[in-house]
Amino acid sequence: MSSHGNIIYRPSLTGQGERVHLSSPDVDLNT
């Protein structure tokens, strides 16, 4: 996609991936 001139973002969601340290039972869809 980048080779075609697009800018790509892959945001990590709270509590997932490299943001796993923020995991909590209080994280919801709105977060």
PDB file of all heavy atoms in Angstrom:
ATOM      1  N   MET A   1       0.826  -1.206   0.000  1.00  0.00           N
ATOM      2  CA  MET A   1       0.000   0.000   0.000  1.00  0.00           C
ATOM      3  C   MET A   1       0.865   1.264   0.000  1.00  0.00           C
ATOM      4  O   MET A   1       0.568   2.223  -0.699  1.00  0.00           O
ATOM      5  CB  MET A   1      -0.929   0.003   1.222  1.00  0.00           C
ATOM      6  CG  MET A   1      -1.925  -1.139   1.246  1.00  0.00           C
ATOM      7  SD  MET A   1      -3.118  -1.067  -0.088  1.00  0.00           S
ATOM      8  CE  MET A   1      -4.033   0.374   0.348  1.00  0.00           C
ATOM      9  N   SER A   2       1.940   1.258   0.760  1.00  0.00           N
ATOM     10  CA  SER A   2       2.843   2.417   0.817  1.00  0.00           C
ATOM     11  C   SER A   2       3.509   2.669  -0.527  1.00  0.00           C
ATOM     12  O   SER A   2       3.717   3.817  -0.916  1.00  0.00           O
ATOM     13  CB  SER A   2       3.914   2.204   1.889  1.00  0.00           C
ATOM     14  OG  SER A   2       3.316   2.136   3.163  1.00  0.00           O
ATOM     15  N   SER A   3       3.843   1.586  -1.235  1.00  0.00           N
ATOM     16  CA  SER A   3       4.499   1.746  -2.537  1.00  0.00           C
ATOM     17  C   SER A   3       3.577   2.423  -3.561  1.00  0.00           C
ATOM     18  O   SER A   3       4.032   2.910  -4.582  1.00  0.00           O
ATOM     19  CB  SER A   3       4.984   0.394  -3.068  1.00  0.00           C
ATOM     20  OG  SER A   3       3.893  -0.399  -3.508  1.00  0.00           O
ATOM     21  N   HIS A   4       2.284   2.466  -3.263  1.00  0.00           N
ATOM     22  CA  HIS A   4       1.315   3.133  -4.140  1.00  0.00           C
ATOM     23  C   HIS A   4       0.954   4.531  -3.625  1.00  0.00           C
ATOM     24  O   HIS A   4      -0.039   5.119  -4.041  1.00  0.00           O
ATOM     25  CB  HIS A   4       0.049   2.278  -4.275  1.00  0.00           C
ATOM     26  CG  HIS A   4       0.231   1.073  -5.135  1.00  0.00           C
ATOM     27  ND1 HIS A   4       1.108   0.064  -4.827  1.00  0.00           N
ATOM     28  CD2 HIS A   4      -0.340   0.723  -6.307  1.00  0.00           C
ATOM     29  CE1 HIS A   4       1.060  -0.859  -5.763  1.00  0.00           C
ATOM     30  NE2 HIS A   4       0.189  -0.479  -6.678  1.00  0.00           N
ATOM     31  N   GLY A   5       1.748   5.036  -2.686  1.00  0.00           N
ATOM     32  CA  GLY A   5       1.562   6.395  -2.203  1.00  0.00           C
ATOM     33  C   GLY A   5       0.621   6.556  -1.032  1.00  0.00           C
ATOM     34  O   GLY A   5       0.289   7.667  -0.651  1.00  0.00           O
ATOM     35  N   ASN A   6       0.182   5.460  -0.441  1.00  0.00           N
ATOM     36  CA  ASN A   6      -0.719   5.538   0.705  1.00  0.00           C
ATOM     37  C   ASN A   6       0.065   5.633   2.004  1.00  0.00           C
ATOM     38  O   ASN A   6       1.151   5.072   2.124  1.00  0.00           O
ATOM     39  CB  ASN A   6      -1.617   4.295   0.751  1.00  0.00           C
ATOM     40  CG  ASN A   6      -2.487   4.187  -0.474  1.00  0.00           C
ATOM     41  OD1 ASN A   6      -3.361   5.003  -0.685  1.00  0.00           O
ATOM     42  ND2 ASN A   6      -2.236   3.185  -1.293  1.00  0.00           N
ATOM     43  N   ILE A   7      -0.499   6.317   2.972  1.00  0.00           N
ATOM     44  CA  ILE A   7       0.080   6.360   4.314  1.00  0.00           C
ATOM     45  C   ILE A   7      -0.723   5.401   5.175  1.00  0.00           C
ATOM     46  O   ILE A   7      -1.951   5.500   5.235  1.00  0.00           O
ATOM     47  CB  ILE A   7       0.038   7.788   4.893  1.00  0.00           C
ATOM     48  CG1 ILE A   7       0.844   8.729   3.991  1.00  0.00           C
ATOM     49  CG2 ILE A   7       0.562   7.804   6.315  1.00  0.00           C
ATOM     50  CD1 ILE A   7       0.687  10.192   4.340  1.00  0.00           C
ATOM     51  N   ILE A   8      -0.039   4.481   5.824  1.00  0.00           N
ATOM     52  CA  ILE A   8      -0.688   3.413   6.586  1.00  0.00           C
ATOM     53  C   ILE A   8      -0.461   3.624   8.082  1.00  0.00           C
ATOM     54  O   ILE A   8       0.652   3.885   8.516  1.00  0.00           O
ATOM     55  CB  ILE A   8      -0.104   2.032   6.187  1.00  0.00           C
ATOM     56  CG1 ILE A   8      -0.082   1.838   4.679  1.00  0.00           C
ATOM     57  CG2 ILE A   8      -0.842   0.916   6.919  1.00  0.00           C
ATOM     58  CD1 ILE A   8      -1.426   1.917   4.004  1.00  0.00           C
ATOM     59  N   TYR A   9      -1.527   3.494   8.846  1.00  0.00           N
ATOM     60  CA  TYR A   9      -1.453   3.507  10.304  1.00  0.00           C
ATOM     61  C   TYR A   9      -2.061   2.205  10.794  1.00  0.00           C
ATOM     62  O   TYR A   9      -3.111   1.787  10.289  1.00  0.00           O
ATOM     63  CB  TYR A   9      -2.259   4.669  10.892  1.00  0.00           C
ATOM     64  CG  TYR A   9      -1.725   6.032  10.541  1.00  0.00           C
ATOM     65  CD1 TYR A   9      -2.153   6.690   9.394  1.00  0.00           C
ATOM     66  CD2 TYR A   9      -0.809   6.661  11.372  1.00  0.00           C
ATOM     67  CE1 TYR A   9      -1.667   7.945   9.066  1.00  0.00           C
ATOM     68  CE2 TYR A   9      -0.323   7.923  11.051  1.00  0.00           C
ATOM     69  CZ  TYR A   9      -0.758   8.556   9.900  1.00  0.00           C
ATOM     70  OH  TYR A   9      -0.284   9.805   9.588  1.00  0.00           O
ATOM     71  N   ARG A  10      -1.419   1.566  11.748  1.00  0.00           N
ATOM     72  CA  ARG A  10      -1.980   0.370  12.382  1.00  0.00           C
ATOM     73  C   ARG A  10      -2.033   0.631  13.888  1.00  0.00           C
ATOM     74  O   ARG A  10      -1.155   0.206  14.624  1.00  0.00           O
ATOM     75  CB  ARG A  10      -1.118  -0.862  12.090  1.00  0.00           C
ATOM     76  CG  ARG A  10      -1.277  -1.383  10.689  1.00  0.00           C
ATOM     77  CD  ARG A  10      -0.609  -2.726  10.501  1.00  0.00           C
ATOM     78  NE  ARG A  10       0.836  -2.578  10.477  1.00  0.00           N
ATOM     79  CZ  ARG A  10       1.695  -3.478  10.949  1.00  0.00           C
ATOM     80  NH1 ARG A  10       1.263  -4.584  11.478  1.00  0.00           N
ATOM     81  NH2 ARG A  10       2.980  -3.261  10.883  1.00  0.00           N
ATOM     82  N   PRO A  11      -3.055   1.334  14.337  1.00  0.00           N
ATOM     83  CA  PRO A  11      -3.108   1.664  15.765  1.00  0.00           C
ATOM     84  C   PRO A  11      -3.311   0.415  16.614  1.00  0.00           C
ATOM     85  O   PRO A  11      -4.075  -0.474  16.252  1.00  0.00           O
ATOM     86  CB  PRO A  11      -4.312   2.599  15.877  1.00  0.00           C
ATOM     87  CG  PRO A  11      -5.154   2.288  14.685  1.00  0.00           C
ATOM     88  CD  PRO A  11      -4.215   1.836  13.602  1.00  0.00           C
ATOM     89  N   SER A  12      -2.600   0.376  17.717  1.00  0.00           N
ATOM     90  CA  SER A  12      -2.797  -0.711  18.676  1.00  0.00           C
ATOM     91  C   SER A  12      -3.891  -0.299  19.639  1.00  0.00           C
ATOM     92  O   SER A  12      -3.971   0.856  20.053  1.00  0.00           O
ATOM     93  CB  SER A  12      -1.512  -0.992  19.449  1.00  0.00           C
ATOM     94  OG  SER A  12      -0.555  -1.517  18.576  1.00  0.00           O
ATOM     95  N   LEU A  13      -4.717  -1.250  19.995  1.00  0.00           N
ATOM     96  CA  LEU A  13      -5.815  -0.986  20.908  1.00  0.00           C
ATOM     97  C   LEU A  13      -5.354  -1.182  22.348  1.00  0.00           C
ATOM     98  O   LEU A  13      -4.528  -2.057  22.631  1.00  0.00           O
ATOM     99  CB  LEU A  13      -6.985  -1.908  20.575  1.00  0.00           C
ATOM    100  CG  LEU A  13      -7.492  -1.823  19.135  1.00  0.00           C
ATOM    101  CD1 LEU A  13      -8.591  -2.851  18.897  1.00  0.00           C
ATOM    102  CD2 LEU A  13      -7.965  -0.421  18.789  1.00  0.00           C
ATOM    103  N   THR A  14      -5.897  -0.394  23.241  1.00  0.00           N
ATOM    104  CA  THR A  14      -5.543  -0.478  24.656  1.00  0.00           C
ATOM    105  C   THR A  14      -5.696  -1.914  25.161  1.00  0.00           C
ATOM    106  O   THR A  14      -6.736  -2.546  24.967  1.00  0.00           O
ATOM    107  CB  THR A  14      -6.435   0.463  25.491  1.00  0.00           C
ATOM    108  OG1 THR A  14      -6.246   1.796  25.018  1.00  0.00           O
ATOM    109  CG2 THR A  14      -6.100   0.389  26.970  1.00  0.00           C
ATOM    110  N   GLY A  15      -4.635  -2.426  25.773  1.00  0.00           N
ATOM    111  CA  GLY A  15      -4.639  -3.776  26.330  1.00  0.00           C
ATOM    112  C   GLY A  15      -4.203  -4.848  25.354  1.00  0.00           C
ATOM    113  O   GLY A  15      -4.102  -6.014  25.717  1.00  0.00           O
ATOM    114  N   GLN A  16      -3.929  -4.466  24.108  1.00  0.00           N
ATOM    115  CA  GLN A  16      -3.537  -5.427  23.074  1.00  0.00           C
ATOM    116  C   GLN A  16      -2.145  -5.069  22.545  1.00  0.00           C
ATOM    117  O   GLN A  16      -1.695  -3.935  22.666  1.00  0.00           O
ATOM    118  CB  GLN A  16      -4.544  -5.402  21.921  1.00  0.00           C
ATOM    119  CG  GLN A  16      -5.971  -5.687  22.337  1.00  0.00           C
ATOM    120  CD  GLN A  16      -6.152  -7.101  22.834  1.00  0.00           C
ATOM    121  OE1 GLN A  16      -5.928  -8.053  22.105  1.00  0.00           O
ATOM    122  NE2 GLN A  16      -6.539  -7.241  24.087  1.00  0.00           N
ATOM    123  N   GLY A  17      -1.479  -6.043  21.910  1.00  0.00           N
ATOM    124  CA  GLY A  17      -0.179  -5.792  21.292  1.00  0.00           C
ATOM    125  C   GLY A  17       0.806  -5.167  22.259  1.00  0.00           C
ATOM    126  O   GLY A  17       0.905  -5.574  23.416  1.00  0.00           O
ATOM    127  N   GLU A  18       1.516  -4.157  21.780  1.00  0.00           N
ATOM    128  CA  GLU A  18       2.518  -3.510  22.633  1.00  0.00           C
ATOM    129  C   GLU A  18       1.890  -2.680  23.746  1.00  0.00           C
ATOM    130  O   GLU A  18       2.586  -2.166  24.610  1.00  0.00           O
ATOM    131  CB  GLU A  18       3.491  -2.658  21.795  1.00  0.00           C
ATOM    132  CG  GLU A  18       2.936  -1.356  21.290  1.00  0.00           C
ATOM    133  CD  GLU A  18       2.176  -1.477  19.975  1.00  0.00           C
ATOM    134  OE1 GLU A  18       1.934  -2.591  19.483  1.00  0.00           O
ATOM    135  OE2 GLU A  18       1.795  -0.425  19.445  1.00  0.00           O
ATOM    136  N   ARG A  19       0.554  -2.575  23.757  1.00  0.00           N
ATOM    137  CA  ARG A  19      -0.143  -1.847  24.818  1.00  0.00           C
ATOM    138  C   ARG A  19      -0.797  -2.800  25.819  1.00  0.00           C
ATOM    139  O   ARG A  19      -1.705  -2.438  26.547  1.00  0.00           O
ATOM    140  CB  ARG A  19      -1.168  -0.901  24.191  1.00  0.00           C
ATOM    141  CG  ARG A  19      -0.474   0.128  23.271  1.00  0.00           C
ATOM    142  CD  ARG A  19      -1.408   1.098  22.663  1.00  0.00           C
ATOM    143  NE  ARG A  19      -1.876   1.999  23.722  1.00  0.00           N
ATOM    144  CZ  ARG A  19      -2.983   2.709  23.626  1.00  0.00           C
ATOM    145  NH1 ARG A  19      -3.743   2.645  22.557  1.00  0.00           N
ATOM    146  NH2 ARG A  19      -3.358   3.501  24.605  1.00  0.00           N
ATOM    147  N   VAL A  20      -0.303  -4.046  25.853  1.00  0.00           N
ATOM    148  CA  VAL A  20      -0.853  -5.071  26.738  1.00  0.00           C
ATOM    149  C   VAL A  20      -0.705  -4.677  28.207  1.00  0.00           C
ATOM    150  O   VAL A  20      -1.507  -5.070  29.048  1.00  0.00           O
ATOM    151  CB  VAL A  20      -0.221  -6.459  26.460  1.00  0.00           C
ATOM    152  CG1 VAL A  20       1.236  -6.506  26.887  1.00  0.00           C
ATOM    153  CG2 VAL A  20      -1.020  -7.575  27.116  1.00  0.00           C
ATOM    154  N   HIS A  21       0.290  -3.865  28.509  1.00  0.00           N
ATOM    155  CA  HIS A  21       0.494  -3.425  29.898  1.00  0.00           C
ATOM    156  C   HIS A  21      -0.654  -2.553  30.404  1.00  0.00           C
ATOM    157  O   HIS A  21      -0.794  -2.333  31.598  1.00  0.00           O
ATOM    158  CB  HIS A  21       1.834  -2.693  30.039  1.00  0.00           C
ATOM    159  CG  HIS A  21       1.903  -1.417  29.257  1.00  0.00           C
ATOM    160  ND1 HIS A  21       2.028  -1.381  27.873  1.00  0.00           N
ATOM    161  CD2 HIS A  21       1.845  -0.126  29.652  1.00  0.00           C
ATOM    162  CE1 HIS A  21       2.045  -0.140  27.461  1.00  0.00           C
ATOM    163  NE2 HIS A  21       1.932   0.656  28.521  1.00  0.00           N
ATOM    164  N   LEU A  22      -1.506  -2.086  29.503  1.00  0.00           N
ATOM    165  CA  LEU A  22      -2.666  -1.274  29.876  1.00  0.00           C
ATOM    166  C   LEU A  22      -3.943  -2.109  29.983  1.00  0.00           C
ATOM    167  O   LEU A  22      -5.031  -1.560  30.135  1.00  0.00           O
ATOM    168  CB  LEU A  22      -2.865  -0.144  28.852  1.00  0.00           C
ATOM    169  CG  LEU A  22      -1.698   0.835  28.722  1.00  0.00           C
ATOM    170  CD1 LEU A  22      -1.932   1.803  27.564  1.00  0.00           C
ATOM    171  CD2 LEU A  22      -1.472   1.583  30.024  1.00  0.00           C
ATOM    172  N   SER A  23      -3.793  -3.414  29.888  1.00  0.00           N
ATOM    173  CA  SER A  23      -4.941  -4.317  29.945  1.00  0.00           C
ATOM    174  C   SER A  23      -5.649  -4.215  31.291  1.00  0.00           C
ATOM    175  O   SER A  23      -5.011  -4.120  32.339  1.00  0.00           O
ATOM    176  CB  SER A  23      -4.471  -5.751  29.710  1.00  0.00           C
ATOM    177  OG  SER A  23      -5.572  -6.603  29.645  1.00  0.00           O
ATOM    178  N   SER A  24      -6.976  -4.221  31.223  1.00  0.00           N
ATOM    179  CA  SER A  24      -7.791  -4.117  32.427  1.00  0.00           C
ATOM    180  C   SER A  24      -9.193  -4.604  32.095  1.00  0.00           C
ATOM    181  O   SER A  24      -9.656  -4.434  30.960  1.00  0.00           O
ATOM    182  CB  SER A  24      -7.843  -2.647  32.865  1.00  0.00           C
ATOM    183  OG  SER A  24      -8.961  -2.388  33.679  1.00  0.00           O
ATOM    184  N   PRO A  25      -9.899  -5.165  33.082  1.00  0.00           N
ATOM    185  CA  PRO A  25     -11.294  -5.535  32.825  1.00  0.00           C
ATOM    186  C   PRO A  25     -12.181  -4.325  32.535  1.00  0.00           C
ATOM    187  O   PRO A  25     -13.301  -4.469  32.072  1.00  0.00           O
ATOM    188  CB  PRO A  25     -11.746  -6.231  34.116  1.00  0.00           C
ATOM    189  CG  PRO A  25     -10.526  -6.494  34.900  1.00  0.00           C
ATOM    190  CD  PRO A  25      -9.462  -5.574  34.402  1.00  0.00           C
ATOM    191  N   ASP A  26     -11.676  -3.104  32.786  1.00  0.00           N
ATOM    192  CA  ASP A  26     -12.447  -1.889  32.539  1.00  0.00           C
ATOM    193  C   ASP A  26     -12.351  -1.401  31.095  1.00  0.00           C
ATOM    194  O   ASP A  26     -13.105  -0.517  30.691  1.00  0.00           O
ATOM    195  CB  ASP A  26     -11.993  -0.772  33.480  1.00  0.00           C
ATOM    196  CG  ASP A  26     -12.312  -1.100  34.925  1.00  0.00           C
ATOM    197  OD1 ASP A  26     -13.352  -1.738  35.182  1.00  0.00           O
ATOM    198  OD2 ASP A  26     -11.506  -0.731  35.808  1.00  0.00           O
ATOM    199  N   VAL A  27     -11.429  -1.953  30.316  1.00  0.00           N
ATOM    200  CA  VAL A  27     -11.311  -1.574  28.906  1.00  0.00           C
ATOM    201  C   VAL A  27     -12.563  -2.060  28.189  1.00  0.00           C
ATOM    202  O   VAL A  27     -12.968  -3.212  28.339  1.00  0.00           O
ATOM    203  CB  VAL A  27     -10.043  -2.182  28.267  1.00  0.00           C
ATOM    204  CG1 VAL A  27     -10.026  -1.958  26.763  1.00  0.00           C
ATOM    205  CG2 VAL A  27      -8.785  -1.609  28.920  1.00  0.00           C
ATOM    206  N   ASP A  28     -13.180  -1.165  27.418  1.00  0.00           N
ATOM    207  CA  ASP A  28     -14.398  -1.553  26.697  1.00  0.00           C
ATOM    208  C   ASP A  28     -14.294  -1.137  25.229  1.00  0.00           C
ATOM    209  O   ASP A  28     -13.265  -0.607  24.795  1.00  0.00           O
ATOM    210  CB  ASP A  28     -15.645  -0.982  27.369  1.00  0.00           C
ATOM    211  CG  ASP A  28     -15.665   0.539  27.466  1.00  0.00           C
ATOM    212  OD1 ASP A  28     -14.892   1.212  26.749  1.00  0.00           O
ATOM    213  OD2 ASP A  28     -16.473   1.073  28.247  1.00  0.00           O
ATOM    214  N   LEU A  29     -15.344  -1.403  24.482  1.00  0.00           N
ATOM    215  CA  LEU A  29     -15.363  -1.061  23.062  1.00  0.00           C
ATOM    216  C   LEU A  29     -15.142   0.431  22.857  1.00  0.00           C
ATOM    217  O   LEU A  29     -14.408   0.841  21.944  1.00  0.00           O
ATOM    218  CB  LEU A  29     -16.691  -1.503  22.433  1.00  0.00           C
ATOM    219  CG  LEU A  29     -16.932  -1.140  20.980  1.00  0.00           C
ATOM    220  CD1 LEU A  29     -15.854  -1.725  20.060  1.00  0.00           C
ATOM    221  CD2 LEU A  29     -18.315  -1.608  20.541  1.00  0.00           C
ATOM    222  N   ASN A  30     -15.725   1.275  23.696  1.00  0.00           N
ATOM    223  CA  ASN A  30     -15.529   2.719  23.558  1.00  0.00           C
ATOM    224  C   ASN A  30     -14.072   3.115  23.728  1.00  0.00           C
ATOM    225  O   ASN A  30     -13.602   4.053  23.078  1.00  0.00           O
ATOM    226  CB  ASN A  30     -16.409   3.501  24.538  1.00  0.00           C
ATOM    227  CG  ASN A  30     -17.832   3.615  24.048  1.00  0.00           C
ATOM    228  OD1 ASN A  30     -18.094   3.522  22.849  1.00  0.00           O
ATOM    229  ND2 ASN A  30     -18.751   3.809  24.964  1.00  0.00           N
ATOM    230  N   THR A  31     -13.342   2.423  24.593  1.00  0.00           N
ATOM    231  CA  THR A  31     -11.908   2.682  24.760  1.00  0.00           C
ATOM    232  C   THR A  31     -11.198   2.449  23.431  1.00  0.00           C
ATOM    233  O   THR A  31     -10.383   3.270  22.995  1.00  0.00           O
ATOM    234  CB  THR A  31     -11.304   1.754  25.827  1.00  0.00           C
ATOM    235  OG1 THR A  31     -12.024   1.882  27.054  1.00  0.00           O
ATOM    236  CG2 THR A  31      -9.826   2.060  26.063  1.00  0.00           C
TER     237      THR A  31
END
